[in-house]
Amino acid sequence: MPSFCAAYGCSNTRCLETRTRGITFHQFPKTGERRRMWEVALRRDRFAASDRTTLCSEHFRSEDFDRTGQTVRLKDGVVPTIFNFPAHLHRSVATRTTTTSRRADDNLPMDLMPDVGATGERRLECKRQATDHLYALPASPKAIKAKLEEASARVRKLQREKTNAFRRENRAKNNMQALLEKLKEKNLYI
């Protein structure tokens, strides 16, 4: 029985094509509160998820996934945030009204801008980066944590690559040593 994505306007189904595109499907949580949060995030009138209702991976951010094993899993406590809602379902985004708070937003670098709204959309307008006070921490702890997690993941990946490179080098040395030993045995070594 094929699985369909329950998100508004999403036509992804669990099939070979979506699998080759890297799209995975995830069932709604079994617990009541998390399940309710997912249902609310979908913004569908009178929607109640069943035990077989699924959402595709296109409705989650890349950092929401645990890809350490063979199976792609969602991290604990994750709620879907990326949707393509029609205009009547968009929620208004509260904007800052004071001059000081607007100036603080203008000084944030683009990669540290907080997410806007429940849709996970990022601000698209370019923000001017302040040239003074670049040593100061960004206003959002979530942005700091995201940068730290991204850097830590990159370090772990580079450490794995380094270890694999050392292992390949040792195998090549051992193979060369074994070939030289065979040549010596056959008196072909000069």
Protein backbone atom coordinates (compact mmCIF):
# COMPACT_ATOMS: atom_id res chain seq x y z
CA MET A 1 0.00 0.00 0.00
CA PRO A 2 1.64 3.29 -1.04
CA SER A 3 2.19 6.10 1.45
CA PHE A 4 1.19 9.63 0.55
CA CYS A 5 2.51 12.80 2.15
CA ALA A 6 -0.22 14.41 4.27
CA ALA A 7 1.04 17.99 3.80
CA TYR A 8 -1.14 20.54 2.01
CA GLY A 9 -0.35 20.60 -1.71
CA CYS A 10 2.39 17.94 -1.52
CA SER A 11 2.05 15.16 -4.09
CA ASN A 12 4.97 12.95 -3.00
CA THR A 13 4.21 9.25 -2.73
CA ARG A 14 6.46 6.50 -1.47
CA CYS A 15 7.76 4.94 -4.68
CA LEU A 16 11.01 4.20 -6.50
CA GLU A 17 11.18 7.69 -8.03
CA THR A 18 10.98 9.50 -4.69
CA ARG A 19 13.44 7.06 -3.15
CA THR A 20 16.00 7.78 -5.88
CA ARG A 21 15.47 11.51 -5.26
CA GLY A 22 16.40 10.89 -1.60
CA ILE A 23 12.94 11.61 -0.21
CA THR A 24 12.08 9.65 2.91
CA PHE A 25 8.70 9.24 4.61
CA HIS A 26 8.11 9.53 8.34
CA GLN A 27 5.05 8.46 10.33
CA PHE A 28 3.36 10.83 12.74
CA PRO A 29 4.51 10.45 16.35
CA LYS A 30 2.58 8.06 18.56
CA THR A 31 2.55 10.34 21.60
CA GLY A 32 -0.34 12.75 21.95
CA GLU A 33 1.43 16.11 22.41
CA ARG A 34 4.01 15.70 19.63
CA ARG A 35 1.36 14.27 17.33
CA ARG A 36 -0.84 17.30 18.03
CA MET A 37 2.07 19.66 17.25
CA TRP A 38 2.54 17.96 13.86
CA GLU A 39 -1.19 18.19 13.11
CA VAL A 40 -1.24 21.90 13.97
CA ALA A 41 1.84 22.52 11.81
CA LEU A 42 -0.05 21.13 8.77
CA ARG A 43 -2.79 23.80 9.13
CA ARG A 44 -5.52 21.54 7.75
CA ASP A 45 -9.08 21.98 9.01
CA ARG A 46 -10.38 19.12 11.15
CA PHE A 47 -7.33 16.98 10.32
CA ALA A 48 -6.64 14.01 12.56
CA ALA A 49 -3.68 11.79 11.76
CA SER A 50 -4.03 8.02 11.81
CA ASP A 51 -1.32 5.55 12.80
CA ARG A 52 -0.31 5.26 9.13
CA THR A 53 -0.28 8.97 8.23
CA THR A 54 3.12 10.12 6.94
CA LEU A 55 5.01 13.26 5.98
CA CYS A 56 7.85 13.34 3.47
CA SER A 57 11.33 14.64 4.26
CA GLU A 58 10.78 17.80 2.21
CA HIS A 59 8.87 19.30 5.15
CA PHE A 60 11.81 19.08 7.56
CA ARG A 61 15.08 20.98 7.72
CA SER A 62 18.28 19.08 6.96
CA GLU A 63 19.47 19.41 10.56
CA ASP A 64 16.29 17.65 11.77
CA PHE A 65 17.59 14.28 10.53
CA ASP A 66 19.83 11.70 12.15
CA ARG A 67 21.77 10.12 9.28
CA THR A 68 24.33 8.21 11.35
CA GLY A 69 22.91 4.73 10.70
CA GLN A 70 21.61 2.94 7.63
CA THR A 71 18.12 4.36 8.18
CA VAL A 72 17.38 8.08 8.01
CA ARG A 73 15.55 9.01 11.20
CA LEU A 74 14.14 12.22 12.64
CA LYS A 75 15.73 13.58 15.79
CA ASP A 76 13.64 13.63 18.97
CA GLY A 77 11.22 16.51 19.36
CA VAL A 78 11.34 17.62 15.71
CA VAL A 79 8.27 19.35 14.23
CA PRO A 80 7.82 19.86 10.45
CA THR A 81 8.35 23.50 9.45
CA ILE A 82 8.70 23.71 5.66
CA PHE A 83 5.42 24.00 3.81
CA ASN A 84 4.11 25.70 0.69
CA PHE A 85 0.87 27.13 2.03
CA PRO A 86 -1.55 29.16 -0.08
CA ALA A 87 -1.95 32.85 0.82
CA HIS A 88 -5.01 32.35 3.03
CA LEU A 89 -3.10 29.96 5.31
CA HIS A 90 -0.02 32.18 5.81
CA ARG A 91 0.42 33.55 9.28
CA SER A 92 1.48 37.13 9.72
CA VAL A 93 4.98 37.58 11.04
CA ALA A 94 5.47 39.98 13.91
CA THR A 95 8.03 42.61 12.96
CA ARG A 96 10.11 44.68 15.28
CA THR A 97 8.78 48.15 15.81
CA THR A 98 11.42 50.08 17.74
CA THR A 99 14.36 51.76 16.06
CA THR A 100 16.87 50.00 18.29
CA SER A 101 15.49 46.51 17.62
CA ARG A 102 15.38 47.14 13.84
CA ARG A 103 18.98 48.34 13.96
CA ALA A 104 19.97 45.16 15.84
CA ASP A 105 18.35 43.03 13.11
CA ASP A 106 20.12 45.02 10.41
CA ASN A 107 23.51 44.29 11.99
CA LEU A 108 23.10 40.50 11.98
CA PRO A 109 25.02 38.61 9.28
CA MET A 110 22.76 36.82 6.77
CA ASP A 111 23.73 33.32 7.91
CA LEU A 112 22.77 34.11 11.51
CA MET A 113 19.34 35.56 10.76
CA PRO A 114 16.64 33.78 12.77
CA ASP A 115 13.96 31.73 11.05
CA VAL A 116 10.82 33.69 10.27
CA GLY A 117 7.40 32.27 11.12
CA ALA A 118 6.33 28.66 11.41
CA THR A 119 7.05 27.97 7.75
CA GLY A 120 10.80 27.94 8.22
CA GLU A 121 11.31 30.51 5.50
CA ARG A 122 14.45 32.60 5.84
CA ARG A 123 14.56 36.30 5.28
CA LEU A 124 15.53 36.93 1.70
CA GLU A 125 16.49 40.57 1.84
CA CYS A 126 20.20 41.16 2.26
CA LYS A 127 21.23 42.55 5.59
CA ARG A 128 24.13 44.91 5.95
CA GLN A 129 26.81 43.42 8.17
CA ALA A 130 28.23 45.81 10.70
CA THR A 131 31.97 46.33 10.32
CA ASP A 132 32.45 47.29 13.95
CA HIS A 133 31.76 44.88 16.79
CA LEU A 134 32.23 41.73 14.69
CA TYR A 135 33.65 40.12 17.81
CA ALA A 136 30.26 40.30 19.55
CA LEU A 137 28.03 37.27 19.74
CA PRO A 138 24.88 37.20 17.62
CA ALA A 139 21.61 38.04 19.34
CA SER A 140 20.15 34.56 18.89
CA PRO A 141 21.43 31.61 20.99
CA LYS A 142 19.81 29.28 18.44
CA ALA A 143 22.04 30.76 15.73
CA ILE A 144 25.13 30.21 17.87
CA LYS A 145 24.11 26.63 18.61
CA ALA A 146 23.41 25.94 14.93
CA LYS A 147 26.83 27.27 13.92
CA LEU A 148 28.50 25.20 16.65
CA GLU A 149 26.67 22.01 15.59
CA GLU A 150 27.57 22.65 11.95
CA ALA A 151 31.24 23.16 12.83
CA SER A 152 31.27 20.06 15.06
CA ALA A 153 29.76 17.93 12.31
CA ARG A 154 32.37 19.22 9.87
CA VAL A 155 35.19 18.38 12.33
CA ARG A 156 33.84 14.84 12.82
CA LYS A 157 33.62 14.35 9.04
CA LEU A 158 37.20 15.57 8.53
CA GLN A 159 38.45 13.31 11.34
CA ARG A 160 36.79 10.29 9.66
CA GLU A 161 38.35 11.24 6.31
CA LYS A 162 41.77 11.62 7.95
CA THR A 163 41.48 8.20 9.63
CA ASN A 164 40.42 6.58 6.35
CA ALA A 165 43.32 8.22 4.50
CA PHE A 166 45.83 6.88 7.08
CA ARG A 167 44.34 3.40 6.74
CA ARG A 168 44.59 3.54 2.93
CA GLU A 169 48.21 4.70 3.20
CA ASN A 170 49.09 1.86 5.59
CA ARG A 171 47.45 -0.71 3.30
CA ALA A 172 49.42 0.62 0.34
CA LYS A 173 52.69 0.47 2.34
CA ASN A 174 51.96 -3.10 3.45
CA ASN A 175 51.13 -4.17 -0.12
CA MET A 176 54.35 -2.60 -1.42
CA GLN A 177 56.38 -4.27 1.34
CA ALA A 178 54.82 -7.65 0.51
CA LEU A 179 55.64 -7.21 -3.21
CA LEU A 180 59.24 -6.31 -2.41
CA GLU A 181 59.54 -9.41 -0.20
CA LYS A 182 58.24 -11.63 -3.03
CA LEU A 183 60.72 -10.10 -5.45
CA LYS A 184 63.60 -10.74 -3.01
CA GLU A 185 62.52 -14.37 -2.65
CA LYS A 186 62.63 -14.86 -6.41
CA ASN A 187 65.93 -12.98 -6.74
CA LEU A 188 64.35 -10.45 -9.07
CA TYR A 189 65.03 -7.50 -6.82
CA ILE A 190 67.88 -5.30 -7.98
